[in-house]
Amino acid sequence: MLWTALLLGLAGSFHCIGMCGPIAFIIPVDRTSKAKMFYQTFLYNFGRLLSYSLIGLLFGFIGKGLYLAGFQQRLSVLMGVIMIAAIVIPISIFNKYNFSKTLYKIIGKVKSKLGFYLSKKSNKALFLIGFFNGFLPCGLVYMALIGSISTGNALQGSLYMALFGLGTIPMMSAAVLLGNFVSISFRSKIQKVIPIFVVVIGLLFILRGLGLGIPYISPSDAKLQLSNNPTECITVENND
């Protein structure tokens, strides 16, 4: 299901333009040289990919813990249900419980670092702007993190988030290079489609966990366990 990360990034990149676009629009790239401008845009995106990968590594490790605790392939079902619930349940309920309150101090420090490096004009600053940008709270990133947990593997969780970030690169690069090129009305239309897309991804995770024997979409339980634990497959072959 790693391919769903790329699709989520591609489809959700219009959401990224709305959330992180204001940062991308003012990134201090050197516009006197196209070569420098493209290289510095690469550094910004590389910073984002690195932070996404690190977060994915952590959440993939959490998923591995849940897998070892006995959730096994049903972890994918659970994550799919959570993903759909996050879309279906009114945002007012989440705001009521304020789940992110404990993260406010960390987020404040991240924003402070972003503000500091946005005032600098260096390759290091461009990379760090992207790096800290990746840690900003974002509903779409949360959905991708749920996907990284469902992999049940730290490295695959990291790869899942890297692919998600890769999917956002075309639009975010365009935001840096071209500025605010997407109209508000078009972004509004895309924003309405994204929740539907997230629900579809959630359903795919549920199907995967059910092990219905559908190739690539819902592999059998045995194949799913081996894909999540390739070392077990090697052990079995050696024992034979």
Protein backbone atom coordinates (compact mmCIF):
# COMPACT_ATOMS: atom_id res chain seq x y z
CA MET A 1 0.00 0.00 0.00
CA LEU A 2 3.02 2.30 -0.25
CA TRP A 3 1.66 3.64 -3.55
CA THR A 4 -1.26 5.22 -1.68
CA ALA A 5 1.24 7.60 -0.04
CA LEU A 6 2.28 8.99 -3.42
CA LEU A 7 -1.34 9.39 -4.49
CA LEU A 8 -2.21 11.07 -1.20
CA GLY A 9 0.65 13.51 -1.68
CA LEU A 10 -0.27 14.27 -5.30
CA ALA A 11 -3.97 14.76 -4.62
CA GLY A 12 -3.40 16.63 -1.39
CA SER A 13 -0.73 18.97 -2.76
CA PHE A 14 -3.44 21.52 -3.57
CA HIS A 15 -4.26 21.48 0.14
CA CYS A 16 -0.54 22.05 0.79
CA ILE A 17 -0.65 25.16 -1.41
CA GLY A 18 -3.33 26.56 0.87
CA MET A 19 -1.63 25.58 4.15
CA CYS A 20 2.10 25.87 3.41
CA GLY A 21 1.82 28.00 0.27
CA PRO A 22 2.30 31.29 2.14
CA ILE A 23 5.68 29.98 3.33
CA ALA A 24 6.66 28.73 -0.13
CA PHE A 25 5.69 32.05 -1.71
CA ILE A 26 8.19 34.01 0.42
CA ILE A 27 11.09 31.57 0.49
CA PRO A 28 14.26 33.63 -0.15
CA VAL A 29 15.49 31.88 -3.30
CA ASP A 30 17.96 33.64 -5.59
CA ARG A 31 15.78 34.66 -8.54
CA THR A 32 18.69 36.20 -10.45
CA SER A 33 19.80 32.75 -11.57
CA LYS A 34 17.51 29.94 -12.72
CA ALA A 35 20.13 27.33 -11.81
CA LYS A 36 20.39 28.64 -8.24
CA MET A 37 16.63 29.02 -7.98
CA PHE A 38 16.00 25.38 -8.96
CA TYR A 39 18.82 24.12 -6.72
CA GLN A 40 17.52 26.08 -3.72
CA THR A 41 13.99 24.83 -4.39
CA PHE A 42 15.43 21.31 -4.36
CA LEU A 43 17.06 22.01 -0.97
CA TYR A 44 13.73 23.24 0.43
CA ASN A 45 11.91 20.12 -0.76
CA PHE A 46 14.73 17.84 0.40
CA GLY A 47 14.40 19.35 3.87
CA ARG A 48 10.67 18.57 3.87
CA LEU A 49 11.26 15.01 2.69
CA LEU A 50 13.82 14.45 5.43
CA SER A 51 11.50 15.66 8.20
CA TYR A 52 8.60 13.61 6.80
CA SER A 53 10.86 10.53 6.65
CA LEU A 54 12.00 10.98 10.24
CA ILE A 55 8.43 11.35 11.47
CA GLY A 56 7.43 8.32 9.41
CA LEU A 57 10.26 6.32 10.96
CA LEU A 58 8.91 7.11 14.42
CA PHE A 59 5.30 6.32 13.59
CA GLY A 60 6.28 3.21 11.65
CA PHE A 61 8.11 2.07 14.78
CA ILE A 62 4.91 2.68 16.77
CA GLY A 63 3.06 0.60 14.20
CA LYS A 64 5.64 -2.17 14.62
CA GLY A 65 4.97 -2.12 18.36
CA LEU A 66 1.23 -2.43 17.76
CA TYR A 67 1.88 -5.26 15.31
CA LEU A 68 3.98 -7.18 17.84
CA ALA A 69 1.34 -6.52 20.50
CA GLY A 70 -1.07 -8.71 18.55
CA PHE A 71 -2.84 -6.40 16.11
CA GLN A 72 -1.00 -8.01 13.16
CA GLN A 73 -2.72 -7.39 9.83
CA ARG A 74 -5.80 -5.96 11.57
CA LEU A 75 -3.65 -2.92 12.23
CA SER A 76 -4.39 -1.87 8.65
CA VAL A 77 -8.13 -2.13 9.32
CA LEU A 78 -7.83 -0.05 12.48
CA MET A 79 -5.83 2.67 10.74
CA GLY A 80 -8.30 2.74 7.85
CA VAL A 81 -11.21 3.18 10.27
CA ILE A 82 -9.37 5.99 12.06
CA MET A 83 -8.63 7.69 8.75
CA ILE A 84 -12.29 7.59 7.72
CA ALA A 85 -13.47 8.64 11.18
CA ALA A 86 -11.18 11.68 11.06
CA ILE A 87 -13.04 12.82 7.94
CA VAL A 88 -16.59 11.85 8.96
CA ILE A 89 -16.54 13.13 12.56
CA PRO A 90 -17.18 16.90 12.69
CA ILE A 91 -14.06 18.99 13.34
CA SER A 92 -15.87 20.72 16.20
CA ILE A 93 -15.63 17.49 18.25
CA PHE A 94 -11.85 17.33 17.77
CA ASN A 95 -11.56 21.01 18.67
CA LYS A 96 -13.59 20.36 21.82
CA TYR A 97 -11.06 17.84 23.13
CA ASN A 98 -8.08 19.76 21.68
CA PHE A 99 -5.85 16.73 21.12
CA SER A 100 -2.91 18.85 19.95
CA LYS A 101 -2.74 21.06 23.05
CA THR A 102 0.35 19.30 24.39
CA LEU A 103 2.16 20.02 21.11
CA TYR A 104 1.63 23.78 21.19
CA LYS A 105 5.01 24.54 22.74
CA ILE A 106 6.85 22.39 20.20
CA ILE A 107 4.91 23.94 17.32
CA GLY A 108 5.70 27.40 18.69
CA LYS A 109 9.42 26.61 18.61
CA VAL A 110 9.13 25.27 15.06
CA LYS A 111 7.41 28.46 13.90
CA SER A 112 10.08 30.52 15.63
CA LYS A 113 12.83 28.63 13.78
CA LEU A 114 10.96 29.06 10.51
CA GLY A 115 10.68 32.80 11.04
CA PHE A 116 14.40 33.02 11.81
CA TYR A 117 15.54 31.13 8.70
CA LEU A 118 13.05 32.87 6.40
CA SER A 119 15.00 36.05 7.06
CA LYS A 120 18.27 34.42 5.94
CA LYS A 121 19.55 33.97 2.40
CA SER A 122 21.70 30.86 2.27
CA ASN A 123 21.49 27.28 1.07
CA LYS A 124 21.54 26.09 4.68
CA ALA A 125 18.56 28.33 5.46
CA LEU A 126 16.58 26.98 2.48
CA PHE A 127 17.16 23.40 3.62
CA LEU A 128 16.18 24.18 7.23
CA ILE A 129 13.07 26.09 6.14
CA GLY A 130 11.92 22.91 4.40
CA PHE A 131 12.97 20.76 7.34
CA PHE A 132 10.99 22.76 9.91
CA ASN A 133 8.11 23.22 7.46
CA GLY A 134 7.66 19.45 7.55
CA PHE A 135 6.94 19.54 11.29
CA LEU A 136 4.09 22.05 11.06
CA PRO A 137 0.66 20.60 11.98
CA CYS A 138 -1.38 19.62 8.95
CA GLY A 139 -4.46 17.42 8.64
CA LEU A 140 -3.19 15.82 5.46
CA VAL A 141 0.14 14.95 7.08
CA TYR A 142 -1.81 13.36 9.94
CA MET A 143 -3.61 11.15 7.42
CA ALA A 144 -0.28 10.12 5.91
CA LEU A 145 1.07 9.33 9.38
CA ILE A 146 -1.86 7.01 9.97
CA GLY A 147 -0.80 5.26 6.79
CA SER A 148 2.79 4.99 8.05
CA ILE A 149 1.57 3.37 11.27
CA SER A 150 -0.38 0.82 9.26
CA THR A 151 2.81 -0.41 7.58
CA GLY A 152 3.79 -1.96 10.91
CA ASN A 153 7.43 -1.36 10.07
CA ALA A 154 9.76 1.55 10.91
CA LEU A 155 11.57 1.61 7.55
CA GLN A 156 8.37 1.22 5.54
CA GLY A 157 6.75 3.92 7.67
CA SER A 158 9.65 6.22 6.79
CA LEU A 159 9.35 5.30 3.11
CA TYR A 160 5.58 5.90 3.23
CA MET A 161 6.08 9.46 4.46
CA ALA A 162 8.93 10.06 1.98
CA LEU A 163 6.64 9.02 -0.89
CA PHE A 164 3.90 11.26 0.49
CA GLY A 165 6.33 14.17 0.50
CA LEU A 166 7.49 13.26 -3.00
CA GLY A 167 3.90 13.55 -4.21
CA THR A 168 3.69 17.13 -2.91
CA ILE A 169 6.89 18.28 -4.61
CA PRO A 170 5.47 19.32 -8.03
CA MET A 171 2.91 21.73 -6.56
CA MET A 172 5.15 23.02 -3.77
CA SER A 173 7.99 23.61 -6.24
CA ALA A 174 5.61 25.52 -8.48
CA ALA A 175 4.58 27.60 -5.47
CA VAL A 176 8.22 28.54 -4.84
CA LEU A 177 9.06 29.21 -8.48
CA LEU A 178 5.82 30.77 -9.71
CA GLY A 179 4.18 32.16 -6.58
CA ASN A 180 0.43 32.02 -6.01
CA PHE A 181 -0.54 30.57 -9.39
CA VAL A 182 -3.64 28.61 -8.27
CA SER A 183 -6.87 30.56 -7.95
CA ILE A 184 -8.76 30.52 -4.66
CA SER A 185 -11.90 29.14 -6.36
CA PHE A 186 -9.96 26.22 -7.86
CA ARG A 187 -8.31 25.45 -4.53
CA SER A 188 -11.74 25.52 -2.90
CA LYS A 189 -13.03 22.92 -5.35
CA ILE A 190 -10.02 20.67 -4.74
CA GLN A 191 -10.45 21.01 -0.97
CA LYS A 192 -13.93 19.52 -1.32
CA VAL A 193 -12.59 16.51 -3.21
CA ILE A 194 -9.69 15.71 -0.83
CA PRO A 195 -11.90 14.30 2.00
CA ILE A 196 -13.49 11.89 -0.47
CA PHE A 197 -10.05 10.81 -1.61
CA VAL A 198 -8.92 10.25 1.99
CA VAL A 199 -11.98 8.08 2.64
CA VAL A 200 -11.11 6.00 -0.45
CA ILE A 201 -7.56 5.53 0.89
CA GLY A 202 -9.03 4.51 4.26
CA LEU A 203 -11.24 1.93 2.57
CA LEU A 204 -8.20 0.53 0.75
CA PHE A 205 -6.42 0.11 4.09
CA ILE A 206 -9.45 -1.72 5.47
CA LEU A 207 -9.59 -4.02 2.45
CA ARG A 208 -5.88 -4.71 2.81
CA GLY A 209 -6.29 -5.73 6.44
CA LEU A 210 -9.24 -8.00 5.72
CA GLY A 211 -7.02 -10.31 3.64
CA LEU A 212 -9.66 -11.14 1.01
CA GLY A 213 -7.16 -12.58 -1.43
CA ILE A 214 -7.47 -9.74 -3.97
CA PRO A 215 -4.04 -9.26 -5.61
CA TYR A 216 -2.30 -5.96 -4.69
CA ILE A 217 -5.41 -4.60 -2.92
CA SER A 218 -6.31 -7.21 -0.31
CA PRO A 219 -3.69 -10.02 -0.22
CA SER A 220 -4.37 -13.14 1.81
CA ASP A 221 -3.47 -13.10 5.51
CA ALA A 222 -0.40 -15.33 4.99
CA LYS A 223 1.02 -13.16 2.20
CA LEU A 224 0.27 -10.01 4.17
CA GLN A 225 2.14 -11.33 7.21
CA LEU A 226 5.15 -12.25 5.09
CA SER A 227 5.18 -8.84 3.39
CA ASN A 228 5.17 -7.13 6.78
CA ASN A 229 7.81 -9.51 8.17
CA PRO A 230 10.16 -10.49 5.32
CA THR A 231 12.71 -11.84 7.83
CA GLU A 232 10.21 -14.52 8.81
CA CYS A 233 10.02 -15.62 5.20
CA ILE A 234 13.82 -15.96 5.05
CA THR A 235 13.82 -17.97 8.30
CA VAL A 236 11.22 -20.39 6.97
CA GLU A 237 13.20 -20.93 3.76
CA ASN A 238 16.39 -21.57 5.72
CA ASN A 239 14.62 -24.11 7.93
CA ASP A 240 13.47 -25.98 4.87
